Amino acid sequence: VQLRITAANRGIVEVSLDGGDMASLRVGQYIQVQASPYPVPCVNRISNGVDWSKDINELLKFNQNFANKQQLLQDVVQTR
């Protein structure tokens, strides 16, 4: 898969891969994403249809609003 910066783009695009240093892409430049010839094996537990990524999202409070910050703080204190 190639992600190319088109002439219609209004500015420079910044890219960071795996937490590395930021790189800038200008019009006409691209990054190419492909499968590694050395894939990392992954293990996924299957338990009542619960996915490990759901567990991580709940633990880290991803995709949740912060309307009730006090409740979030209490949850953190209780897990310690």
C-alpha atoms as a PDB file:
ATOM      1  CA  VAL A   1       0.000   0.000   0.000  1.00  0.00           C
ATOM      2  CA  GLN A   2       1.343   3.427  -0.913  1.00  0.00           C
ATOM      3  CA  LEU A   3       0.237   6.604   0.838  1.00  0.00           C
ATOM      4  CA  ARG A   4       1.108   9.443  -1.528  1.00  0.00           C
ATOM      5  CA  ILE A   5       0.912  13.187  -0.874  1.00  0.00           C
ATOM      6  CA  THR A   6      -1.065  14.721  -3.737  1.00  0.00           C
ATOM      7  CA  ALA A   7      -0.722  18.146  -5.328  1.00  0.00           C
ATOM      8  CA  ALA A   8      -4.050  19.093  -3.708  1.00  0.00           C
ATOM      9  CA  ASN A   9      -2.494  18.818  -0.253  1.00  0.00           C
ATOM     10  CA  ARG A  10      -2.308  22.157   1.588  1.00  0.00           C
ATOM     11  CA  GLY A  11       0.848  21.529   3.600  1.00  0.00           C
ATOM     12  CA  ILE A  12       3.562  19.200   4.787  1.00  0.00           C
ATOM     13  CA  VAL A  13       2.513  15.871   6.289  1.00  0.00           C
ATOM     14  CA  GLU A  14       4.374  14.580   9.330  1.00  0.00           C
ATOM     15  CA  VAL A  15       4.757  10.844   9.878  1.00  0.00           C
ATOM     16  CA  SER A  16       6.045   8.860  12.842  1.00  0.00           C
ATOM     17  CA  LEU A  17       6.383   5.091  12.725  1.00  0.00           C
ATOM     18  CA  ASP A  18       6.553   2.926  15.847  1.00  0.00           C
ATOM     19  CA  GLY A  19       7.242   5.968  18.029  1.00  0.00           C
ATOM     20  CA  GLY A  20      10.355   6.926  16.059  1.00  0.00           C
ATOM     21  CA  ASP A  21      11.473  10.367  14.984  1.00  0.00           C
ATOM     22  CA  MET A  22       9.055  12.470  12.956  1.00  0.00           C
ATOM     23  CA  ALA A  23       9.597  12.619   9.184  1.00  0.00           C
ATOM     24  CA  SER A  24       8.073  15.162   6.794  1.00  0.00           C
ATOM     25  CA  LEU A  25       6.505  14.286   3.458  1.00  0.00           C
ATOM     26  CA  ARG A  26       5.975  16.850   0.721  1.00  0.00           C
ATOM     27  CA  VAL A  27       3.867  16.814  -2.442  1.00  0.00           C
ATOM     28  CA  GLY A  28       4.757  13.827  -4.618  1.00  0.00           C
ATOM     29  CA  GLN A  29       6.456  11.889  -1.824  1.00  0.00           C
ATOM     30  CA  TYR A  30       4.978   8.724  -0.364  1.00  0.00           C
ATOM     31  CA  ILE A  31       5.407   5.996   2.189  1.00  0.00           C
ATOM     32  CA  GLN A  32       4.950   2.356   1.308  1.00  0.00           C
ATOM     33  CA  VAL A  33       3.539  -0.154   3.775  1.00  0.00           C
ATOM     34  CA  GLN A  34       4.042  -3.851   3.250  1.00  0.00           C
ATOM     35  CA  ALA A  35       4.008  -7.085   5.212  1.00  0.00           C
ATOM     36  CA  SER A  36       7.281  -8.018   6.849  1.00  0.00           C
ATOM     37  CA  PRO A  37       9.118 -11.096   5.619  1.00  0.00           C
ATOM     38  CA  TYR A  38       9.702 -11.776   9.338  1.00  0.00           C
ATOM     39  CA  PRO A  39       6.241 -11.548  10.939  1.00  0.00           C
ATOM     40  CA  VAL A  40       5.901 -11.517  14.714  1.00  0.00           C
ATOM     41  CA  PRO A  41       3.701 -14.331  15.969  1.00  0.00           C
ATOM     42  CA  CYS A  42       0.824 -13.145  18.160  1.00  0.00           C
ATOM     43  CA  VAL A  43      -1.288 -15.065  20.636  1.00  0.00           C
ATOM     44  CA  ASN A  44      -4.907 -14.134  21.171  1.00  0.00           C
ATOM     45  CA  ARG A  45      -6.823 -15.690  24.040  1.00  0.00           C
ATOM     46  CA  ILE A  46     -10.349 -16.746  23.239  1.00  0.00           C
ATOM     47  CA  SER A  47     -12.536 -16.510  26.313  1.00  0.00           C
ATOM     48  CA  ASN A  48     -16.279 -15.928  26.054  1.00  0.00           C
ATOM     49  CA  GLY A  49     -15.758 -13.821  22.937  1.00  0.00           C
ATOM     50  CA  VAL A  50     -13.750 -11.166  24.825  1.00  0.00           C
ATOM     51  CA  ASP A  51     -10.930  -9.772  22.742  1.00  0.00           C
ATOM     52  CA  TRP A  52      -7.605  -8.744  24.326  1.00  0.00           C
ATOM     53  CA  SER A  53      -7.750  -5.368  22.559  1.00  0.00           C
ATOM     54  CA  LYS A  54     -11.048  -4.604  24.328  1.00  0.00           C
ATOM     55  CA  ASP A  55      -9.341  -5.302  27.659  1.00  0.00           C
ATOM     56  CA  ILE A  56      -6.494  -2.894  26.807  1.00  0.00           C
ATOM     57  CA  ASN A  57      -8.898  -0.179  25.648  1.00  0.00           C
ATOM     58  CA  GLU A  58     -10.833  -0.417  28.906  1.00  0.00           C
ATOM     59  CA  LEU A  59      -7.685  -0.421  31.030  1.00  0.00           C
ATOM     60  CA  LEU A  60      -6.187   2.612  29.274  1.00  0.00           C
ATOM     61  CA  LYS A  61      -9.559   4.387  29.003  1.00  0.00           C
ATOM     62  CA  PHE A  62      -9.312   4.690  25.212  1.00  0.00           C
ATOM     63  CA  ASN A  63     -12.371   5.938  23.322  1.00  0.00           C
ATOM     64  CA  GLN A  64     -14.014   7.221  26.484  1.00  0.00           C
ATOM     65  CA  ASN A  65     -15.075  10.741  27.302  1.00  0.00           C
ATOM     66  CA  PHE A  66     -13.674  12.577  30.287  1.00  0.00           C
ATOM     67  CA  ALA A  67     -16.935  14.116  31.496  1.00  0.00           C
ATOM     68  CA  ASN A  68     -16.561  12.453  34.878  1.00  0.00           C
ATOM     69  CA  LYS A  69     -12.847  12.854  35.660  1.00  0.00           C
ATOM     70  CA  GLN A  70     -13.389  12.071  39.343  1.00  0.00           C
ATOM     71  CA  GLN A  71     -14.716   8.607  38.452  1.00  0.00           C
ATOM     72  CA  LEU A  72     -11.711   7.998  36.193  1.00  0.00           C
ATOM     73  CA  LEU A  73      -9.343   8.942  39.021  1.00  0.00           C
ATOM     74  CA  GLN A  74     -11.158   6.623  41.437  1.00  0.00           C
ATOM     75  CA  ASP A  75     -10.874   3.751  38.952  1.00  0.00           C
ATOM     76  CA  VAL A  76      -7.122   4.296  38.713  1.00  0.00           C
ATOM     77  CA  VAL A  77      -6.697   4.368  42.496  1.00  0.00           C
ATOM     78  CA  GLN A  78      -8.766   1.190  42.917  1.00  0.00           C
ATOM     79  CA  THR A  79      -6.635  -0.762  40.396  1.00  0.00           C
ATOM     80  CA  ARG A  80      -3.419  -0.094  42.315  1.00  0.00           C
END
